[in-house]
Amino acid sequence: MNLSNQNLEIHLLLFVLLLILAAVVGFVLGRIGVQKSGNRVLEVENEMLAAHAEVLKYAEHNKKLNESLEKAKAQLQSMNVQFLEEGKDERVRKLPLGKIG
């Protein structure tokens, strides 16, 4: 096969164009992949923020329950002291369970 200089230049030009085209296609595909990854990261961050908000809501609810429990314990302790002082605690323990209900 006998190639002249002109054919060799055309093939070389075609090769350079194919290299440039491959680089452009690779760049575009890479950008699409990065954009998809970025969208997924944003989606996961939003899920994480929603989960943290839910945890904070339950923590606040737990704090309110603990405060109300502390108030109830304070009232319960004062009642126990009153029963012990009057001696009614032992009398309540000796009741048969059938007569309570």
C-alpha atoms as a PDB file:
ATOM      1  CA  MET A   1       0.000   0.000   0.000  1.00  0.00           C
ATOM      2  CA  ASN A   2       1.590   3.168  -1.198  1.00  0.00           C
ATOM      3  CA  LEU A   3       0.615   6.285   0.846  1.00  0.00           C
ATOM      4  CA  SER A   4       1.450   9.775  -0.238  1.00  0.00           C
ATOM      5  CA  ASN A   5       2.085  12.694   2.139  1.00  0.00           C
ATOM      6  CA  GLN A   6      -1.404  14.087   1.549  1.00  0.00           C
ATOM      7  CA  ASN A   7      -3.141  10.871   2.669  1.00  0.00           C
ATOM      8  CA  LEU A   8      -0.946  10.697   5.723  1.00  0.00           C
ATOM      9  CA  GLU A   9      -1.870  14.274   6.698  1.00  0.00           C
ATOM     10  CA  ILE A  10      -5.584  13.563   6.270  1.00  0.00           C
ATOM     11  CA  HIS A  11      -5.332  10.502   8.466  1.00  0.00           C
ATOM     12  CA  LEU A  12      -3.296  12.419  11.030  1.00  0.00           C
ATOM     13  CA  LEU A  13      -5.880  15.234  11.029  1.00  0.00           C
ATOM     14  CA  LEU A  14      -8.662  12.692  11.441  1.00  0.00           C
ATOM     15  CA  PHE A  15      -6.756  11.109  14.354  1.00  0.00           C
ATOM     16  CA  VAL A  16      -6.327  14.494  16.081  1.00  0.00           C
ATOM     17  CA  LEU A  17     -10.032  15.269  15.609  1.00  0.00           C
ATOM     18  CA  LEU A  18     -10.962  11.896  17.095  1.00  0.00           C
ATOM     19  CA  LEU A  19      -8.711  12.566  20.096  1.00  0.00           C
ATOM     20  CA  ILE A  20     -10.293  15.977  20.648  1.00  0.00           C
ATOM     21  CA  LEU A  21     -13.792  14.494  20.253  1.00  0.00           C
ATOM     22  CA  ALA A  22     -12.965  11.715  22.746  1.00  0.00           C
ATOM     23  CA  ALA A  23     -11.664  14.278  25.239  1.00  0.00           C
ATOM     24  CA  VAL A  24     -14.820  16.401  24.906  1.00  0.00           C
ATOM     25  CA  VAL A  25     -17.113  13.367  25.275  1.00  0.00           C
ATOM     26  CA  GLY A  26     -15.143  12.203  28.320  1.00  0.00           C
ATOM     27  CA  PHE A  27     -15.366  15.646  29.886  1.00  0.00           C
ATOM     28  CA  VAL A  28     -19.135  15.833  29.307  1.00  0.00           C
ATOM     29  CA  LEU A  29     -19.716  12.330  30.708  1.00  0.00           C
ATOM     30  CA  GLY A  30     -17.546  13.168  33.721  1.00  0.00           C
ATOM     31  CA  ARG A  31     -19.517  16.340  34.415  1.00  0.00           C
ATOM     32  CA  ILE A  32     -22.786  14.398  34.220  1.00  0.00           C
ATOM     33  CA  GLY A  33     -21.425  11.882  36.745  1.00  0.00           C
ATOM     34  CA  VAL A  34     -20.278  14.640  39.092  1.00  0.00           C
ATOM     35  CA  GLN A  35     -23.680  16.330  38.844  1.00  0.00           C
ATOM     36  CA  LYS A  36     -25.493  13.066  39.679  1.00  0.00           C
ATOM     37  CA  SER A  37     -23.177  12.507  42.641  1.00  0.00           C
ATOM     38  CA  GLY A  38     -23.740  16.067  43.845  1.00  0.00           C
ATOM     39  CA  ASN A  39     -27.506  15.624  43.627  1.00  0.00           C
ATOM     40  CA  ARG A  40     -27.273  12.384  45.621  1.00  0.00           C
ATOM     41  CA  VAL A  41     -25.128  14.103  48.270  1.00  0.00           C
ATOM     42  CA  LEU A  42     -27.718  16.885  48.605  1.00  0.00           C
ATOM     43  CA  GLU A  43     -30.512  14.311  48.907  1.00  0.00           C
ATOM     44  CA  VAL A  44     -28.660  12.422  51.649  1.00  0.00           C
ATOM     45  CA  GLU A  45     -27.886  15.681  53.477  1.00  0.00           C
ATOM     46  CA  ASN A  46     -31.581  16.597  53.432  1.00  0.00           C
ATOM     47  CA  GLU A  47     -32.476  13.164  54.816  1.00  0.00           C
ATOM     48  CA  MET A  48     -29.850  13.599  57.531  1.00  0.00           C
ATOM     49  CA  LEU A  49     -31.185  17.041  58.473  1.00  0.00           C
ATOM     50  CA  ALA A  50     -34.722  15.636  58.661  1.00  0.00           C
ATOM     51  CA  ALA A  51     -33.492  12.803  60.886  1.00  0.00           C
ATOM     52  CA  HIS A  52     -31.661  15.259  63.161  1.00  0.00           C
ATOM     53  CA  ALA A  53     -34.785  17.414  63.407  1.00  0.00           C
ATOM     54  CA  GLU A  54     -36.790  14.345  64.398  1.00  0.00           C
ATOM     55  CA  VAL A  55     -34.191  13.383  67.019  1.00  0.00           C
ATOM     56  CA  LEU A  56     -34.269  16.909  68.444  1.00  0.00           C
ATOM     57  CA  LYS A  57     -38.068  16.812  68.585  1.00  0.00           C
ATOM     58  CA  TYR A  58     -37.974  13.529  70.508  1.00  0.00           C
ATOM     59  CA  ALA A  59     -35.226  14.844  72.793  1.00  0.00           C
ATOM     60  CA  GLU A  60     -37.352  17.872  73.641  1.00  0.00           C
ATOM     61  CA  HIS A  61     -40.358  15.630  74.285  1.00  0.00           C
ATOM     62  CA  ASN A  62     -38.184  13.367  76.473  1.00  0.00           C
ATOM     63  CA  LYS A  63     -36.980  16.396  78.435  1.00  0.00           C
ATOM     64  CA  LYS A  64     -40.568  17.479  79.087  1.00  0.00           C
ATOM     65  CA  LEU A  65     -41.467  13.964  80.214  1.00  0.00           C
ATOM     66  CA  ASN A  66     -38.452  13.840  82.546  1.00  0.00           C
ATOM     67  CA  GLU A  67     -39.416  17.196  84.049  1.00  0.00           C
ATOM     68  CA  SER A  68     -42.965  16.041  84.652  1.00  0.00           C
ATOM     69  CA  LEU A  69     -41.611  12.796  86.126  1.00  0.00           C
ATOM     70  CA  GLU A  70     -39.384  14.754  88.499  1.00  0.00           C
ATOM     71  CA  LYS A  71     -42.406  16.802  89.603  1.00  0.00           C
ATOM     72  CA  ALA A  72     -44.398  13.609  90.134  1.00  0.00           C
ATOM     73  CA  LYS A  73     -41.536  12.038  92.104  1.00  0.00           C
ATOM     74  CA  ALA A  74     -41.358  15.088  94.329  1.00  0.00           C
ATOM     75  CA  GLN A  75     -45.066  14.781  95.105  1.00  0.00           C
ATOM     76  CA  LEU A  76     -44.760  10.991  95.562  1.00  0.00           C
ATOM     77  CA  GLN A  77     -41.897  11.321  98.030  1.00  0.00           C
ATOM     78  CA  SER A  78     -43.851  13.759 100.145  1.00  0.00           C
ATOM     79  CA  MET A  79     -46.778  11.322 100.198  1.00  0.00           C
ATOM     80  CA  ASN A  80     -44.493   8.421 101.236  1.00  0.00           C
ATOM     81  CA  VAL A  81     -43.075  10.428 104.098  1.00  0.00           C
ATOM     82  CA  GLN A  82     -46.602  11.169 105.236  1.00  0.00           C
ATOM     83  CA  PHE A  83     -47.571   7.442 105.183  1.00  0.00           C
ATOM     84  CA  LEU A  84     -44.451   6.424 107.071  1.00  0.00           C
ATOM     85  CA  GLU A  85     -45.075   9.021 109.729  1.00  0.00           C
ATOM     86  CA  GLU A  86     -48.622   7.844 110.312  1.00  0.00           C
ATOM     87  CA  GLY A  87     -47.758   4.102 110.215  1.00  0.00           C
ATOM     88  CA  LYS A  88     -50.253   3.377 107.439  1.00  0.00           C
ATOM     89  CA  ASP A  89     -47.657   1.838 105.154  1.00  0.00           C
ATOM     90  CA  GLU A  90     -47.569  -1.490 107.013  1.00  0.00           C
ATOM     91  CA  ARG A  91     -51.345  -1.634 107.209  1.00  0.00           C
ATOM     92  CA  VAL A  92     -51.613  -1.203 103.421  1.00  0.00           C
ATOM     93  CA  ARG A  93     -49.091  -4.004 102.802  1.00  0.00           C
ATOM     94  CA  LYS A  94     -51.096  -6.478 104.881  1.00  0.00           C
ATOM     95  CA  LEU A  95     -54.290  -6.092 102.809  1.00  0.00           C
ATOM     96  CA  PRO A  96     -55.139  -9.229 100.771  1.00  0.00           C
ATOM     97  CA  LEU A  97     -55.107  -8.582  97.026  1.00  0.00           C
ATOM     98  CA  GLY A  98     -58.643  -9.959  96.555  1.00  0.00           C
ATOM     99  CA  LYS A  99     -60.126  -7.199  98.695  1.00  0.00           C
ATOM    100  CA  ILE A 100     -58.365  -4.374  96.824  1.00  0.00           C
ATOM    101  CA  GLY A 101     -59.989  -4.868  93.438  1.00  0.00           C
END
